[in-house]
Amino acid sequence: MKKTILVIATTSLLMATTAMAAVIDKKAIRAADANIAEQVAVMKSDCGNTSLEVNVVWDDVKGMIKTNKDALKSDNYKGVWVLSHTGERTVAALEAMSKICKTDADYKEELAKVTNIIVKPKAKFDDSKSAFSFAETTITIESGHRMTRSASDFITPIKSLF
């Protein structure tokens, strides 16, 4: 009987922990999306984009976290931090674009044509450098990990797209 109760208690605890982690992840993603939406509005105003959608591929970010769970564990790093940093890095990239638009009319003209920004994670957790590419009206950001970035970190790589 004691063994059955212990198994039930352990299973319940694991289920509760998993459910709590799912809620924490959802809250981190929701907060990141809200911050990104605020910065999209600023960029549209600063750069003159008539239409601009930013799509963080959260399922890919979660997949990267699962694939790199050993690397995260060895660094005492939490998956929710990766989610938060992905949002923070996306906001920083949008801030960089706004700063570029405020200071250079030629870049502003090109950035105003951007209608989509897609954010995907780098495959390896230890890859901390974000990468940028541009095709037609879409900028793709391969977001690095481990740390936050500021807008100044992304100005040069964004300018190099044009």
Protein backbone atom coordinates (compact mmCIF):
# COMPACT_ATOMS: atom_id res chain seq x y z
CA MET A 1 0.00 0.00 0.00
CA LYS A 2 2.81 2.41 0.93
CA LYS A 3 4.52 1.64 -2.37
CA THR A 4 1.32 2.44 -4.31
CA ILE A 5 0.86 5.73 -2.46
CA LEU A 6 4.49 6.66 -3.11
CA VAL A 7 4.11 5.91 -6.84
CA ILE A 8 0.90 7.94 -7.03
CA ALA A 9 2.46 10.84 -5.13
CA THR A 10 5.56 10.82 -7.32
CA THR A 11 3.49 10.67 -10.50
CA SER A 12 1.27 13.50 -9.29
CA LEU A 13 4.31 15.63 -8.45
CA LEU A 14 5.84 15.04 -11.87
CA MET A 15 2.57 15.90 -13.60
CA ALA A 16 2.21 19.07 -11.53
CA THR A 17 5.80 20.08 -12.28
CA THR A 18 5.29 19.50 -15.99
CA ALA A 19 2.03 21.47 -15.95
CA MET A 20 3.70 24.30 -14.05
CA ALA A 21 6.57 24.38 -16.57
CA ALA A 22 4.06 24.56 -19.43
CA VAL A 23 2.30 27.50 -17.77
CA ILE A 24 5.62 29.28 -17.12
CA ASP A 25 6.60 28.78 -20.78
CA LYS A 26 3.24 30.11 -21.98
CA LYS A 27 3.60 33.18 -19.78
CA ALA A 28 7.15 33.81 -21.06
CA ILE A 29 5.99 33.54 -24.67
CA ARG A 30 2.97 35.75 -24.06
CA ALA A 31 5.17 38.42 -22.41
CA ALA A 32 7.70 38.21 -25.25
CA ASP A 33 4.96 38.52 -27.88
CA ALA A 34 3.52 41.58 -26.09
CA ASN A 35 6.93 43.28 -25.98
CA ILE A 36 7.53 42.44 -29.63
CA ALA A 37 4.12 43.86 -30.61
CA GLU A 38 4.93 47.13 -28.84
CA GLN A 39 8.22 47.41 -30.69
CA VAL A 40 6.58 46.54 -34.02
CA ALA A 41 4.34 49.58 -33.58
CA VAL A 42 7.40 51.75 -32.91
CA MET A 43 9.25 50.39 -35.93
CA LYS A 44 6.24 50.93 -38.20
CA SER A 45 6.11 54.53 -37.02
CA ASP A 46 9.87 55.12 -37.31
CA CYS A 47 10.42 53.31 -40.59
CA GLY A 48 7.10 53.90 -42.33
CA ASN A 49 6.15 50.25 -42.86
CA THR A 50 2.56 50.04 -44.06
CA SER A 51 2.41 46.41 -43.01
CA LEU A 52 4.74 44.48 -40.72
CA GLU A 53 4.31 41.09 -39.11
CA VAL A 54 6.82 39.48 -36.80
CA ASN A 55 6.54 35.74 -36.33
CA VAL A 56 8.68 34.01 -33.75
CA VAL A 57 8.57 30.29 -34.51
CA TRP A 58 8.06 29.31 -30.88
CA ASP A 59 7.64 25.61 -31.68
CA ASP A 60 11.15 25.61 -33.18
CA VAL A 61 12.49 27.41 -30.10
CA LYS A 62 10.87 24.79 -27.85
CA GLY A 63 12.30 22.06 -30.08
CA MET A 64 15.79 23.57 -29.79
CA ILE A 65 15.39 23.60 -26.00
CA LYS A 66 14.47 19.89 -26.01
CA THR A 67 17.29 18.98 -28.38
CA ASN A 68 19.83 20.88 -26.28
CA LYS A 69 18.51 19.90 -22.83
CA ASP A 70 21.88 18.44 -21.79
CA ALA A 71 23.75 21.62 -22.79
CA LEU A 72 21.23 23.77 -20.91
CA LYS A 73 21.50 21.53 -17.87
CA SER A 74 25.30 21.63 -17.86
CA ASP A 75 25.14 25.45 -17.90
CA ASN A 76 22.43 25.52 -15.20
CA TYR A 77 20.25 27.26 -17.76
CA LYS A 78 16.46 27.09 -17.89
CA GLY A 79 14.38 26.70 -21.02
CA VAL A 80 12.18 29.61 -19.97
CA TRP A 81 15.28 31.83 -20.11
CA VAL A 82 15.79 30.83 -23.75
CA LEU A 83 12.18 31.82 -24.48
CA SER A 84 12.66 35.17 -22.73
CA HIS A 85 15.98 35.87 -24.43
CA THR A 86 14.50 35.07 -27.83
CA GLY A 87 11.86 37.73 -27.20
CA GLU A 88 14.42 40.21 -25.87
CA ARG A 89 16.71 39.67 -28.84
CA THR A 90 13.80 40.13 -31.25
CA VAL A 91 12.87 43.42 -29.56
CA ALA A 92 16.52 44.52 -29.75
CA ALA A 93 16.61 43.78 -33.50
CA LEU A 94 13.43 45.80 -34.03
CA GLU A 95 14.90 48.64 -31.94
CA ALA A 96 18.02 48.53 -34.12
CA MET A 97 15.88 48.88 -37.24
CA SER A 98 14.05 51.86 -35.70
CA LYS A 99 17.38 53.52 -34.83
CA ILE A 100 18.64 52.96 -38.36
CA CYS A 101 15.48 54.52 -39.79
CA LYS A 102 15.86 57.57 -37.54
CA THR A 103 19.42 58.22 -38.64
CA ASP A 104 19.65 57.24 -42.32
CA ALA A 105 17.01 58.02 -44.95
CA ASP A 106 18.43 55.53 -47.48
CA TYR A 107 18.20 52.59 -45.07
CA LYS A 108 14.81 53.83 -43.91
CA GLU A 109 13.54 53.61 -47.48
CA GLU A 110 14.64 49.96 -47.68
CA LEU A 111 13.44 48.99 -44.20
CA ALA A 112 10.03 50.51 -44.97
CA LYS A 113 9.61 47.78 -47.60
CA VAL A 114 9.96 44.99 -45.01
CA THR A 115 6.60 43.32 -44.40
CA ASN A 116 7.66 40.17 -42.54
CA ILE A 117 10.24 39.26 -39.95
CA ILE A 118 10.62 35.59 -39.11
CA VAL A 119 12.55 34.60 -36.01
CA LYS A 120 13.93 31.09 -35.67
CA PRO A 121 16.39 29.68 -33.15
CA LYS A 122 19.95 28.70 -33.89
CA ALA A 123 20.18 24.92 -33.68
CA LYS A 124 22.88 24.77 -31.01
CA PHE A 125 22.40 26.33 -27.59
CA ASP A 126 26.06 27.34 -27.44
CA ASP A 127 25.72 29.43 -30.64
CA SER A 128 25.24 32.91 -29.19
CA LYS A 129 25.54 34.98 -32.36
CA SER A 130 22.34 35.89 -34.20
CA ALA A 131 22.31 35.77 -38.02
CA PHE A 132 20.23 37.86 -40.40
CA SER A 133 19.13 37.28 -43.98
CA PHE A 134 16.86 39.17 -46.35
CA ALA A 135 14.75 38.00 -49.30
CA GLU A 136 12.19 40.15 -51.10
CA THR A 137 10.30 41.76 -48.20
CA THR A 138 11.20 39.32 -45.43
CA ILE A 139 14.00 39.47 -42.89
CA THR A 140 14.82 36.14 -41.26
CA ILE A 141 16.58 36.21 -37.92
CA GLU A 142 18.28 33.10 -36.62
CA SER A 143 18.36 33.96 -32.96
CA GLY A 144 21.38 33.01 -30.89
CA HIS A 145 21.17 32.02 -27.26
CA ARG A 146 22.58 32.37 -23.75
CA MET A 147 22.40 36.12 -23.34
CA THR A 148 20.41 39.20 -24.13
CA ARG A 149 21.52 41.72 -26.73
CA SER A 150 20.98 45.42 -27.20
CA ALA A 151 19.97 47.24 -30.37
CA SER A 152 23.54 48.41 -30.93
CA ASP A 153 24.63 44.77 -31.32
CA PHE A 154 22.40 44.39 -34.37
CA ILE A 155 22.77 47.67 -36.28
CA THR A 156 25.78 46.57 -38.37
CA PRO A 157 24.44 43.12 -39.30
CA ILE A 158 21.08 44.62 -40.28
CA LYS A 159 22.68 47.34 -42.40
CA SER A 160 24.74 44.67 -44.16
CA LEU A 161 21.51 43.15 -45.51
CA PHE A 162 21.01 46.08 -47.85
